[in-house]
C-alpha cells in the first residue's frame, strides 16, 4: 500500500494587546506598528518534522486560533 504525505493550508487569526499612552488618539497604522514591534511570533513547540507539531505564541497577551477551512495543496509519496 502506498502512503502519501499531504500538505495543506489554513488561515489562523493572531490576537495581541498593545498599550499606547493616553496623551493622544492613534490611527490603525500607529497601533499596527506597535503590534508588529511587540509581537513575539508563532513558534513550533513539539518536533521539527512530521505531523506531531504543536504551534503557539510566546507572550501571555497573545493568542492564536485556526479559523478557516483546510485547503490541501500538495502531496508526495512517503518513501
N, C-alpha and C. Protein backbone atom coordinates (compact mmCIF):
# COMPACT_ATOMS: atom_id res chain seq x y z
N UNK A 1 0.85 -1.18 0.00
CA UNK A 1 0.00 0.00 0.00
C UNK A 1 0.89 1.24 0.00
N UNK A 2 0.60 2.21 -0.85
CA UNK A 2 1.38 3.44 -0.93
C UNK A 2 0.88 4.43 0.12
N UNK A 3 1.82 5.14 0.70
CA UNK A 3 1.49 6.14 1.71
C UNK A 3 1.93 7.51 1.18
N UNK A 4 1.04 8.50 1.27
CA UNK A 4 1.32 9.83 0.78
C UNK A 4 1.28 10.84 1.92
N UNK A 5 2.22 11.76 1.89
CA UNK A 5 2.20 12.89 2.81
C UNK A 5 1.46 14.01 2.09
N UNK A 6 0.42 14.54 2.72
CA UNK A 6 -0.42 15.56 2.10
C UNK A 6 -0.31 16.85 2.92
N UNK A 7 -0.02 17.94 2.24
CA UNK A 7 0.15 19.24 2.89
C UNK A 7 -1.06 20.12 2.60
N UNK A 8 -1.38 20.94 3.56
CA UNK A 8 -2.48 21.88 3.37
C UNK A 8 -2.23 23.18 4.10
N UNK A 9 -3.10 24.11 3.87
CA UNK A 9 -3.01 25.43 4.50
C UNK A 9 -4.33 25.76 5.16
N UNK A 10 -4.24 26.55 6.20
CA UNK A 10 -5.43 27.07 6.87
C UNK A 10 -5.08 28.45 7.40
N UNK A 11 -6.02 29.34 7.37
CA UNK A 11 -5.80 30.67 7.94
C UNK A 11 -5.85 30.59 9.45
N UNK A 12 -5.03 31.37 10.09
CA UNK A 12 -5.09 31.49 11.54
C UNK A 12 -5.22 32.96 11.89
N UNK A 13 -5.88 33.22 12.98
CA UNK A 13 -6.01 34.57 13.50
C UNK A 13 -5.11 34.70 14.71
N UNK A 14 -4.36 35.77 14.75
CA UNK A 14 -3.48 36.05 15.88
C UNK A 14 -4.05 37.26 16.60
N UNK A 15 -4.06 37.19 17.92
CA UNK A 15 -4.54 38.30 18.73
C UNK A 15 -3.44 38.72 19.68
N UNK A 16 -3.27 40.02 19.84
CA UNK A 16 -2.31 40.54 20.80
C UNK A 16 -2.86 41.83 21.38
N UNK A 17 -2.29 42.29 22.46
CA UNK A 17 -2.67 43.56 23.08
C UNK A 17 -1.47 44.49 23.05
N UNK A 18 -1.71 45.76 22.78
CA UNK A 18 -0.67 46.78 22.89
C UNK A 18 -1.21 47.91 23.75
N UNK A 19 -0.32 48.55 24.46
CA UNK A 19 -0.70 49.69 25.28
C UNK A 19 -0.06 50.94 24.69
N UNK A 20 -0.89 51.99 24.55
CA UNK A 20 -0.44 53.25 23.99
C UNK A 20 -0.72 54.34 25.03
N UNK A 21 0.15 55.35 25.12
CA UNK A 21 -0.08 56.44 26.07
C UNK A 21 -1.42 57.13 25.83
N UNK A 22 -1.98 57.69 26.90
CA UNK A 22 -3.29 58.34 26.84
C UNK A 22 -3.26 59.74 26.25
N UNK A 23 -2.10 60.26 25.91
CA UNK A 23 -1.98 61.67 25.55
C UNK A 23 -2.54 62.05 24.17
N UNK A 24 -2.91 61.07 23.35
CA UNK A 24 -3.47 61.39 22.03
C UNK A 24 -4.25 60.21 21.49
N UNK A 25 -4.95 60.44 20.38
CA UNK A 25 -5.65 59.38 19.66
C UNK A 25 -4.67 58.78 18.64
N UNK A 26 -4.79 57.48 18.38
CA UNK A 26 -3.89 56.80 17.47
C UNK A 26 -4.68 56.23 16.30
N UNK A 27 -4.07 56.26 15.11
CA UNK A 27 -4.71 55.64 13.96
C UNK A 27 -4.24 54.19 13.86
N UNK A 28 -4.89 53.42 12.99
CA UNK A 28 -4.57 51.99 12.86
C UNK A 28 -3.11 51.77 12.51
N UNK A 29 -2.55 52.60 11.65
CA UNK A 29 -1.15 52.43 11.24
C UNK A 29 -0.21 52.48 12.44
N UNK A 30 -0.43 53.41 13.36
CA UNK A 30 0.41 53.52 14.56
C UNK A 30 0.20 52.33 15.49
N UNK A 31 -1.03 51.90 15.63
CA UNK A 31 -1.33 50.76 16.51
C UNK A 31 -0.75 49.48 15.93
N UNK A 32 -0.90 49.28 14.61
CA UNK A 32 -0.33 48.10 13.97
C UNK A 32 1.19 48.10 14.07
N UNK A 33 1.82 49.25 13.91
CA UNK A 33 3.28 49.35 14.01
C UNK A 33 3.74 48.89 15.39
N UNK A 34 3.02 49.30 16.43
CA UNK A 34 3.36 48.88 17.80
C UNK A 34 3.16 47.37 17.96
N UNK A 35 2.10 46.83 17.37
CA UNK A 35 1.85 45.39 17.46
C UNK A 35 2.97 44.61 16.76
N UNK A 36 3.38 45.05 15.57
CA UNK A 36 4.48 44.40 14.86
C UNK A 36 5.76 44.44 15.69
N UNK A 37 5.99 45.54 16.36
CA UNK A 37 7.20 45.71 17.18
C UNK A 37 7.20 44.76 18.39
N UNK A 38 6.05 44.57 19.00
CA UNK A 38 5.98 43.82 20.26
C UNK A 38 5.65 42.34 20.10
N UNK A 39 4.95 41.96 19.03
CA UNK A 39 4.53 40.57 18.88
C UNK A 39 5.74 39.67 18.73
N UNK A 40 5.78 38.60 19.49
CA UNK A 40 6.96 37.74 19.54
C UNK A 40 6.90 36.58 18.56
N UNK A 41 5.87 36.46 17.79
CA UNK A 41 5.82 35.47 16.73
C UNK A 41 5.14 34.16 17.10
N UNK A 42 5.06 33.30 16.11
CA UNK A 42 4.49 31.96 16.25
C UNK A 42 5.64 30.98 16.17
N UNK A 43 5.67 30.01 17.08
CA UNK A 43 6.77 29.06 17.15
C UNK A 43 6.26 27.62 17.14
N UNK A 44 7.13 26.71 16.69
CA UNK A 44 6.89 25.27 16.82
C UNK A 44 7.36 24.84 18.21
N UNK A 45 6.56 24.08 18.90
CA UNK A 45 6.92 23.66 20.25
C UNK A 45 7.19 22.16 20.38
N UNK A 46 6.73 21.36 19.46
CA UNK A 46 6.95 19.92 19.54
C UNK A 46 7.45 19.44 18.19
N UNK A 47 8.62 18.86 18.16
CA UNK A 47 9.14 18.27 16.93
C UNK A 47 9.49 19.30 15.87
N UNK A 48 10.31 18.89 14.94
CA UNK A 48 10.68 19.74 13.83
C UNK A 48 10.26 19.14 12.49
N UNK A 49 9.53 18.08 12.51
CA UNK A 49 9.08 17.44 11.27
C UNK A 49 7.91 16.54 11.54
N UNK A 50 7.37 16.03 10.50
CA UNK A 50 6.25 15.11 10.65
C UNK A 50 4.96 15.83 10.98
N UNK A 51 4.04 15.09 11.54
CA UNK A 51 2.72 15.64 11.81
C UNK A 51 2.50 15.90 13.29
N UNK A 52 3.55 15.79 14.11
CA UNK A 52 3.39 15.92 15.55
C UNK A 52 3.78 17.31 16.06
N UNK A 53 3.48 18.36 15.29
CA UNK A 53 3.83 19.71 15.69
C UNK A 53 2.73 20.35 16.50
N UNK A 54 3.15 21.14 17.44
CA UNK A 54 2.26 21.97 18.23
C UNK A 54 2.76 23.39 18.06
N UNK A 55 1.91 24.31 17.63
CA UNK A 55 2.33 25.69 17.47
C UNK A 55 1.68 26.53 18.55
N UNK A 56 2.31 27.63 18.86
CA UNK A 56 1.77 28.53 19.86
C UNK A 56 2.46 29.87 19.82
N UNK A 57 2.12 30.72 20.75
CA UNK A 57 2.69 32.05 20.86
C UNK A 57 3.45 32.16 22.18
N UNK A 58 4.34 33.14 22.28
CA UNK A 58 5.24 33.25 23.42
C UNK A 58 4.74 34.16 24.54
N UNK A 59 3.99 35.16 24.22
CA UNK A 59 3.61 36.18 25.19
C UNK A 59 2.23 35.86 25.78
N UNK A 60 2.07 36.10 27.06
CA UNK A 60 0.78 35.79 27.70
C UNK A 60 -0.36 36.65 27.18
N UNK A 61 -0.07 37.77 26.54
CA UNK A 61 -1.11 38.62 25.96
C UNK A 61 -1.43 38.26 24.51
N UNK A 62 -0.80 37.22 23.97
CA UNK A 62 -1.02 36.81 22.59
C UNK A 62 -1.85 35.54 22.54
N UNK A 63 -2.57 35.35 21.45
CA UNK A 63 -3.37 34.15 21.25
C UNK A 63 -3.34 33.79 19.77
N UNK A 64 -3.58 32.52 19.47
CA UNK A 64 -3.64 32.05 18.09
C UNK A 64 -4.83 31.11 17.96
N UNK A 65 -5.53 31.21 16.83
CA UNK A 65 -6.73 30.39 16.62
C UNK A 65 -6.88 30.09 15.14
N UNK A 66 -7.07 28.82 14.82
CA UNK A 66 -7.36 28.45 13.43
C UNK A 66 -8.82 28.77 13.17
N UNK A 67 -9.07 29.47 12.07
CA UNK A 67 -10.44 29.94 11.84
C UNK A 67 -10.86 29.84 10.37
N UNK A 68 -10.48 28.76 9.75
CA UNK A 68 -10.84 28.60 8.35
C UNK A 68 -10.99 27.14 7.99
N UNK A 69 -11.21 26.90 6.74
CA UNK A 69 -11.31 25.55 6.21
C UNK A 69 -9.95 25.13 5.67
N UNK A 70 -9.57 23.89 5.89
CA UNK A 70 -8.31 23.39 5.37
C UNK A 70 -8.37 23.31 3.85
N UNK A 71 -7.29 23.68 3.20
CA UNK A 71 -7.17 23.54 1.75
C UNK A 71 -5.91 22.73 1.48
N UNK A 72 -6.07 21.50 1.01
CA UNK A 72 -4.92 20.67 0.69
C UNK A 72 -4.33 21.16 -0.63
N UNK A 73 -3.01 21.34 -0.66
CA UNK A 73 -2.37 21.99 -1.79
C UNK A 73 -1.25 21.18 -2.44
N UNK A 74 -0.78 20.13 -1.77
CA UNK A 74 0.39 19.42 -2.29
C UNK A 74 0.46 18.03 -1.65
N UNK A 75 0.94 17.06 -2.40
CA UNK A 75 1.16 15.75 -1.81
C UNK A 75 2.41 15.14 -2.43
N UNK A 76 3.01 14.20 -1.70
CA UNK A 76 4.20 13.50 -2.20
C UNK A 76 4.19 12.09 -1.63
N UNK A 77 4.77 11.18 -2.38
CA UNK A 77 4.88 9.82 -1.94
C UNK A 77 5.84 9.75 -0.77
N UNK A 78 5.44 9.12 0.31
CA UNK A 78 6.26 8.97 1.51
C UNK A 78 7.04 7.67 1.38
N UNK A 79 8.31 7.78 1.03
CA UNK A 79 9.11 6.59 0.80
C UNK A 79 10.00 6.27 1.97
